[in-house]
Amino acid sequence: MKVHPVPRKRNITVRFETAAVSGARPSAAAKKLRRLPHVFARVLQLPFRADADVEVHDSPGSLRFVAATDDDLGPGVRALPIEIHPGITKVYIEAPGLRRLGIPAVSELELDVWRFRLPASTRPELASAAYEDGELVVTVPKGAVAEAEEEVWGEGFGRLVLVQ
């Protein structure tokens, strides 16, 4: 067995705590929070396990997700977009049959669910969901990409005429 000697320097956490107690600058102790790269602006969350088979159909006008299920979700299935933080939107699927099947509600935290990162061109607030013939179909429309309009002042010869 090899024994490692104890380092002579103090642990960084000990030095940090002693500096905070001694009245050092308060701004040095507080770190500025930054947005993490794994937090996406638009996410679709389906009420299935993460390993579920979901078909994704990408068309110029929308993204369409089709998931076959043996469970009866019942009528009244709808897409519920929730802005969980300014600029971050999640689209949940809400149905009367989900609670009966043991699937947690929107307010409960569930880690093993099927998620899809939506591209920036999608409009999650206009998402729709339907349950027909044992298939859950979720449609997320894409917004029209605004093309750069020509400026009004860029069409002339570049002369300025002053009228009095």
Protein backbone atom coordinates (compact mmCIF):
# COMPACT_ATOMS: atom_id res chain seq x y z
CA MET A 1 0.00 0.00 0.00
CA LYS A 2 1.33 3.40 -0.99
CA VAL A 3 0.72 6.36 1.29
CA HIS A 4 0.56 9.81 -0.29
CA PRO A 5 1.86 12.76 1.75
CA VAL A 6 -0.57 15.50 2.74
CA PRO A 7 -0.04 18.67 0.66
CA ARG A 8 1.27 21.71 2.52
CA LYS A 9 -1.10 24.11 0.78
CA ARG A 10 -4.59 24.52 2.13
CA ASN A 11 -7.59 23.35 0.18
CA ILE A 12 -9.08 26.01 -2.10
CA THR A 13 -12.46 25.72 -0.39
CA VAL A 14 -10.89 26.50 2.97
CA ARG A 15 -9.18 29.60 1.57
CA PHE A 16 -12.43 30.71 -0.07
CA GLU A 17 -14.39 30.38 3.18
CA THR A 18 -11.81 32.30 5.20
CA ALA A 19 -11.76 35.08 2.61
CA ALA A 20 -15.55 35.33 2.67
CA VAL A 21 -15.64 35.50 6.46
CA SER A 22 -12.91 38.15 6.66
CA GLY A 23 -15.07 40.62 4.71
CA ALA A 24 -13.52 40.39 1.29
CA ARG A 25 -15.28 41.90 -1.70
CA PRO A 26 -18.83 40.47 -1.88
CA SER A 27 -18.76 40.47 -5.68
CA ALA A 28 -15.82 38.07 -5.69
CA ALA A 29 -17.81 35.47 -3.75
CA ALA A 30 -20.86 35.67 -6.02
CA LYS A 31 -20.48 34.20 -9.49
CA LYS A 32 -22.41 35.44 -12.46
CA LEU A 33 -24.76 32.77 -13.78
CA ARG A 34 -24.53 31.95 -17.45
CA ARG A 35 -26.82 30.01 -19.73
CA LEU A 36 -25.72 26.41 -20.02
CA PRO A 37 -25.26 24.92 -23.50
CA HIS A 38 -27.58 21.98 -22.77
CA VAL A 39 -30.58 24.23 -22.15
CA PHE A 40 -32.41 24.60 -25.44
CA ALA A 41 -34.85 27.37 -26.34
CA ARG A 42 -37.61 25.10 -27.73
CA VAL A 43 -38.28 21.51 -26.67
CA LEU A 44 -41.11 19.06 -27.40
CA GLN A 45 -41.81 16.54 -24.64
CA LEU A 46 -43.99 13.51 -25.37
CA PRO A 47 -45.57 11.36 -22.63
CA PHE A 48 -43.55 8.27 -23.53
CA ARG A 49 -40.32 6.73 -22.30
CA ALA A 50 -37.07 8.09 -23.74
CA ASP A 51 -36.52 4.94 -25.81
CA ALA A 52 -39.97 5.03 -27.49
CA ASP A 53 -40.25 4.75 -31.28
CA VAL A 54 -41.41 8.09 -32.66
CA GLU A 55 -41.49 8.93 -36.37
CA VAL A 56 -40.39 12.47 -37.20
CA HIS A 57 -41.60 13.92 -40.51
CA ASP A 58 -39.92 17.17 -41.53
CA SER A 59 -41.70 19.19 -44.21
CA PRO A 60 -41.19 22.81 -45.31
CA GLY A 61 -44.27 23.91 -43.36
CA SER A 62 -44.10 21.85 -40.16
CA LEU A 63 -42.56 19.12 -38.06
CA ARG A 64 -44.85 16.14 -37.49
CA PHE A 65 -44.28 13.55 -34.76
CA VAL A 66 -46.17 10.23 -34.89
CA ALA A 67 -46.01 7.76 -32.00
CA ALA A 68 -47.99 4.51 -31.97
CA THR A 69 -49.35 3.46 -28.59
CA ASP A 70 -51.48 0.63 -27.27
CA ASP A 71 -52.92 2.85 -24.52
CA ASP A 72 -56.15 4.74 -25.03
CA LEU A 73 -55.41 8.42 -24.41
CA GLY A 74 -59.04 9.35 -25.03
CA PRO A 75 -60.47 12.46 -26.65
CA GLY A 76 -59.25 15.90 -25.69
CA VAL A 77 -55.54 15.46 -26.38
CA ARG A 78 -53.87 18.82 -26.78
CA ALA A 79 -50.43 20.41 -27.00
CA LEU A 80 -49.66 22.74 -24.12
CA PRO A 81 -46.78 25.19 -24.72
CA ILE A 82 -45.32 26.48 -21.46
CA GLU A 83 -42.71 29.21 -21.19
CA ILE A 84 -40.59 27.88 -18.34
CA HIS A 85 -38.19 30.83 -18.49
CA PRO A 86 -38.14 33.91 -20.73
CA GLY A 87 -37.00 32.61 -24.10
CA ILE A 88 -37.28 28.91 -23.17
CA THR A 89 -40.47 27.10 -24.22
CA LYS A 90 -41.47 23.47 -23.67
CA VAL A 91 -44.40 21.84 -25.43
CA TYR A 92 -46.13 19.23 -23.27
CA ILE A 93 -48.89 16.85 -24.32
CA GLU A 94 -51.96 16.88 -22.11
CA ALA A 95 -54.68 14.20 -22.28
CA PRO A 96 -57.37 12.95 -19.91
CA GLY A 97 -56.07 9.37 -20.11
CA LEU A 98 -52.48 10.14 -19.08
CA ARG A 99 -53.11 10.24 -15.31
CA ARG A 100 -55.06 7.00 -15.49
CA LEU A 101 -52.08 5.33 -17.18
CA GLY A 102 -49.66 6.52 -14.47
CA ILE A 103 -47.93 9.13 -16.60
CA PRO A 104 -46.99 12.16 -14.48
CA ALA A 105 -48.59 15.56 -14.92
CA VAL A 106 -46.85 18.59 -16.39
CA SER A 107 -46.00 19.98 -12.96
CA GLU A 108 -44.17 16.79 -11.90
CA LEU A 109 -40.52 16.26 -12.80
CA GLU A 110 -39.89 13.24 -14.98
CA LEU A 111 -36.46 12.46 -16.39
CA ASP A 112 -37.17 9.40 -18.54
CA VAL A 113 -39.44 11.00 -21.14
CA TRP A 114 -39.11 11.42 -24.91
CA ARG A 115 -37.79 14.90 -25.79
CA PHE A 116 -36.92 16.57 -29.07
CA ARG A 117 -35.04 19.83 -29.55
CA LEU A 118 -37.09 22.01 -31.87
CA PRO A 119 -35.25 24.19 -34.39
CA ALA A 120 -35.42 27.98 -34.22
CA SER A 121 -37.77 28.16 -37.21
CA THR A 122 -40.62 26.38 -35.38
CA ARG A 123 -43.59 28.04 -33.68
CA PRO A 124 -44.22 26.01 -30.48
CA GLU A 125 -47.10 28.26 -29.40
CA LEU A 126 -49.08 27.00 -32.43
CA ALA A 127 -48.43 23.28 -31.81
CA SER A 128 -51.38 20.89 -32.04
CA ALA A 129 -51.93 17.29 -30.97
CA ALA A 130 -54.45 14.61 -31.92
CA TYR A 131 -55.01 10.97 -30.99
CA GLU A 132 -56.49 8.80 -33.75
CA ASP A 133 -56.44 5.05 -34.37
CA GLY A 134 -53.86 4.33 -31.66
CA GLU A 135 -51.43 7.02 -32.84
CA LEU A 136 -50.51 10.27 -31.14
CA VAL A 137 -49.82 12.89 -33.81
CA VAL A 138 -48.17 16.17 -32.79
CA THR A 139 -47.70 18.92 -35.37
CA VAL A 140 -45.42 21.90 -34.75
CA PRO A 141 -45.68 24.49 -37.55
CA LYS A 142 -42.67 26.34 -38.84
CA GLY A 143 -42.72 30.11 -39.09
CA ALA A 144 -41.90 31.93 -42.27
CA VAL A 145 -38.31 33.08 -42.25
CA ALA A 146 -38.32 36.83 -42.69
CA GLU A 147 -36.31 37.72 -45.76
CA ALA A 148 -34.21 40.84 -45.71
CA GLU A 149 -36.34 43.60 -47.15
CA GLU A 150 -34.69 46.17 -49.35
CA GLU A 151 -34.27 49.50 -47.73
CA VAL A 152 -36.34 52.38 -49.05
CA TRP A 153 -33.40 54.77 -49.05
CA GLY A 154 -31.10 52.38 -50.91
CA GLU A 155 -32.95 52.66 -54.24
CA GLY A 156 -31.92 56.19 -55.26
CA PHE A 157 -28.79 57.68 -56.75
CA GLY A 158 -27.40 58.70 -53.38
CA ARG A 159 -28.24 62.42 -53.73
CA LEU A 160 -29.79 64.49 -50.99
CA VAL A 161 -32.15 67.21 -52.15
CA LEU A 162 -32.95 69.96 -49.67
CA VAL A 163 -36.20 71.84 -50.33
CA GLN A 164 -37.02 75.10 -48.53
